C-alpha atoms as a PDB file:
ATOM      1  CA  MET A   1      60.659-107.798  13.413  1.00  0.00           C
ATOM      2  CA  SER A   2      63.732-108.176  11.233  1.00  0.00           C
ATOM      3  CA  GLU A   3      63.482-109.191   7.613  1.00  0.00           C
ATOM      4  CA  TYR A   4      66.317-111.618   8.307  1.00  0.00           C
ATOM      5  CA  ASN A   5      66.463-114.746  10.463  1.00  0.00           C
ATOM      6  CA  ILE A   6      70.034-114.315  11.709  1.00  0.00           C
ATOM      7  CA  GLN A   7      71.190-117.480  13.457  1.00  0.00           C
ATOM      8  CA  LEU A   8      74.375-119.003  14.798  1.00  0.00           C
ATOM      9  CA  VAL A   9      74.903-122.468  13.321  1.00  0.00           C
ATOM     10  CA  SER A  10      77.410-124.846  14.872  1.00  0.00           C
ATOM     11  CA  LEU A  11      78.623-127.638  12.630  1.00  0.00           C
ATOM     12  CA  VAL A  12      79.796-131.002  13.921  1.00  0.00           C
ATOM     13  CA  ASN A  13      83.366-130.129  12.816  1.00  0.00           C
ATOM     14  CA  GLY A  14      83.358-127.230  15.325  1.00  0.00           C
ATOM     15  CA  GLN A  15      82.915-124.423  12.831  1.00  0.00           C
ATOM     16  CA  LEU A  16      80.591-121.576  13.869  1.00  0.00           C
ATOM     17  CA  ILE A  17      78.618-119.812  11.156  1.00  0.00           C
ATOM     18  CA  VAL A  18      76.459-116.693  11.360  1.00  0.00           C
ATOM     19  CA  CYS A  19      73.905-116.538   8.566  1.00  0.00           C
ATOM     20  CA  ASP A  20      70.378-115.746   7.499  1.00  0.00           C
ATOM     21  CA  LEU A  21      68.691-119.109   8.053  1.00  0.00           C
ATOM     22  CA  VAL A  22      66.278-119.538   5.158  1.00  0.00           C
ATOM     23  CA  ASP A  23      63.218-121.784   5.445  1.00  0.00           C
ATOM     24  CA  GLU A  24      64.255-125.395   5.480  1.00  0.00           C
ATOM     25  CA  PRO A  25      63.620-127.061   2.093  1.00  0.00           C
ATOM     26  CA  ASP A  26      62.989-130.452   3.712  1.00  0.00           C
ATOM     27  CA  ALA A  27      63.565-132.351   6.957  1.00  0.00           C
ATOM     28  CA  ASN A  28      67.110-133.346   5.953  1.00  0.00           C
ATOM     29  CA  ASN A  29      68.589-129.961   4.956  1.00  0.00           C
ATOM     30  CA  VAL A  30      68.909-126.326   5.993  1.00  0.00           C
ATOM     31  CA  ILE A  31      69.752-123.322   3.795  1.00  0.00           C
ATOM     32  CA  LEU A  32      72.391-120.885   5.032  1.00  0.00           C
ATOM     33  CA  LYS A  33      72.229-117.536   3.241  1.00  0.00           C
ATOM     34  CA  ASN A  34      75.271-115.252   3.225  1.00  0.00           C
ATOM     35  CA  PRO A  35      77.254-117.302   5.772  1.00  0.00           C
ATOM     36  CA  LEU A  36      80.079-115.702   7.761  1.00  0.00           C
ATOM     37  CA  THR A  37      82.586-117.332  10.050  1.00  0.00           C
ATOM     38  CA  PHE A  38      85.297-115.763  12.194  1.00  0.00           C
ATOM     39  CA  ALA A  39      89.088-115.827  11.989  1.00  0.00           C
ATOM     40  CA  HIS A  40      91.673-114.971  14.657  1.00  0.00           C
ATOM     41  CA  THR A  41      94.004-112.301  13.232  1.00  0.00           C
ATOM     42  CA  GLU A  42      96.573-109.856  14.601  1.00  0.00           C
ATOM     43  CA  GLN A  43      93.730-107.314  14.741  1.00  0.00           C
ATOM     44  CA  GLY A  44      91.587-109.690  16.841  1.00  0.00           C
ATOM     45  CA  VAL A  45      88.597-111.750  15.807  1.00  0.00           C
ATOM     46  CA  GLN A  46      87.425-110.760  12.311  1.00  0.00           C
ATOM     47  CA  PRO A  47      84.400-111.825  10.232  1.00  0.00           C
ATOM     48  CA  VAL A  48      85.292-113.664   7.015  1.00  0.00           C
ATOM     49  CA  PRO A  49      83.229-115.313   4.284  1.00  0.00           C
ATOM     50  CA  LEU A  50      82.637-118.999   4.897  1.00  0.00           C
ATOM     51  CA  ASN A  51      84.228-119.787   1.549  1.00  0.00           C
ATOM     52  CA  PRO A  52      86.249-116.988  -0.062  1.00  0.00           C
ATOM     53  CA  PHE A  53      86.334-118.812  -3.419  1.00  0.00           C
ATOM     54  CA  VAL A  54      82.637-118.467  -4.263  1.00  0.00           C
ATOM     55  CA  GLN A  55      80.450-115.552  -5.297  1.00  0.00           C
ATOM     56  CA  GLU A  56      79.394-113.770  -2.092  1.00  0.00           C
ATOM     57  CA  ASN A  57      76.259-111.849  -3.095  1.00  0.00           C
ATOM     58  CA  ASP A  58      73.166-113.727  -1.911  1.00  0.00           C
ATOM     59  CA  LEU A  59      75.088-116.982  -1.531  1.00  0.00           C
ATOM     60  CA  GLU A  60      72.833-119.820  -0.387  1.00  0.00           C
ATOM     61  CA  LEU A  61      74.338-123.078   0.812  1.00  0.00           C
ATOM     62  CA  VAL A  62      72.313-126.231   1.375  1.00  0.00           C
ATOM     63  CA  VAL A  63      73.697-128.124   4.375  1.00  0.00           C
ATOM     64  CA  ASN A  64      72.606-131.587   5.405  1.00  0.00           C
ATOM     65  CA  ARG A  65      71.212-131.578   8.958  1.00  0.00           C
ATOM     66  CA  SER A  66      73.555-134.439   9.902  1.00  0.00           C
ATOM     67  CA  HIS A  67      76.379-131.842   9.755  1.00  0.00           C
ATOM     68  CA  VAL A  68      74.596-129.420  12.117  1.00  0.00           C
ATOM     69  CA  LEU A  69      75.215-129.707  15.852  1.00  0.00           C
ATOM     70  CA  TYR A  70      72.880-126.862  16.865  1.00  0.00           C
ATOM     71  CA  ILE A  71      71.210-123.651  15.689  1.00  0.00           C
ATOM     72  CA  THR A  72      70.636-120.745  18.076  1.00  0.00           C
ATOM     73  CA  GLU A  73      70.161-117.000  18.135  1.00  0.00           C
ATOM     74  CA  PRO A  74      73.530-115.211  18.365  1.00  0.00           C
ATOM     75  CA  ARG A  75      74.428-112.345  20.678  1.00  0.00           C
ATOM     76  CA  LYS A  76      73.392-108.934  19.359  1.00  0.00           C
ATOM     77  CA  GLU A  77      77.008-107.938  18.682  1.00  0.00           C
ATOM     78  CA  VAL A  78      77.448-110.994  16.463  1.00  0.00           C
ATOM     79  CA  SER A  79      74.207-110.459  14.525  1.00  0.00           C
ATOM     80  CA  ASP A  80      75.232-106.798  14.084  1.00  0.00           C
ATOM     81  CA  VAL A  81      78.443-107.962  12.375  1.00  0.00           C
ATOM     82  CA  TRP A  82      76.359-110.003   9.924  1.00  0.00           C
ATOM     83  CA  SER A  83      73.954-107.078   9.361  1.00  0.00           C
ATOM     84  CA  LYS A  84      76.850-104.726   8.687  1.00  0.00           C
ATOM     85  CA  ASN A  85      78.074-107.071   5.928  1.00  0.00           C
ATOM     86  CA  PHE A  86      74.774-108.236   4.405  1.00  0.00           C
ATOM     87  CA  GLY A  87      71.789-106.495   5.996  1.00  0.00           C
ATOM     88  CA  SER A  88      70.666-102.902   6.155  1.00  0.00           C
ATOM     89  CA  GLY A  89      74.043-101.819   7.526  1.00  0.00           C
ATOM     90  CA  LEU A  90      72.349-100.010  10.416  1.00  0.00           C
ATOM     91  CA  VAL A  91      73.860-101.492  13.565  1.00  0.00           C
ATOM     92  CA  GLU A  92      75.117-100.495  16.994  1.00  0.00           C
ATOM     93  CA  VAL A  93      78.829 -99.759  17.140  1.00  0.00           C
ATOM     94  CA  HIS A  94      80.865-102.217  19.249  1.00  0.00           C
ATOM     95  CA  GLN A  95      84.465-101.617  20.188  1.00  0.00           C
ATOM     96  CA  ASN A  96      86.007-104.971  19.479  1.00  0.00           C
ATOM     97  CA  MET A  97      85.014-108.512  18.504  1.00  0.00           C
ATOM     98  CA  ASP A  98      87.575-109.891  21.011  1.00  0.00           C
ATOM     99  CA  SER A  99      85.189-108.924  23.812  1.00  0.00           C
ATOM    100  CA  ILE A 100      82.538-111.155  22.233  1.00  0.00           C
ATOM    101  CA  ILE A 101      84.609-114.282  21.675  1.00  0.00           C
ATOM    102  CA  LYS A 102      86.899-115.209  24.530  1.00  0.00           C
ATOM    103  CA  ILE A 103      90.156-116.718  23.306  1.00  0.00           C
ATOM    104  CA  GLY A 104      92.040-119.275  25.373  1.00  0.00           C
END
């Protein structure tokens, strides 16, 4: 059992976020800890902080449930990307994020 609850959160605006989903404070909100999203770059799909303008260490964002489309468990390769950035750092090596997210 992992010490983290790594989940894929889809927002109603289409943004996908991988985070440690912390216990929900109430029925109207969820807490996203250390959220990552993905950007398409020349090097392929790369993980990036959800908001590069805020302090990243142990960032917790409270999001109103009305902005959440769904929450689900991500593929192992995706949760490994999150773990490499915020977790223990012990993950399986994967060749390329482009094989995870199909573009076009």
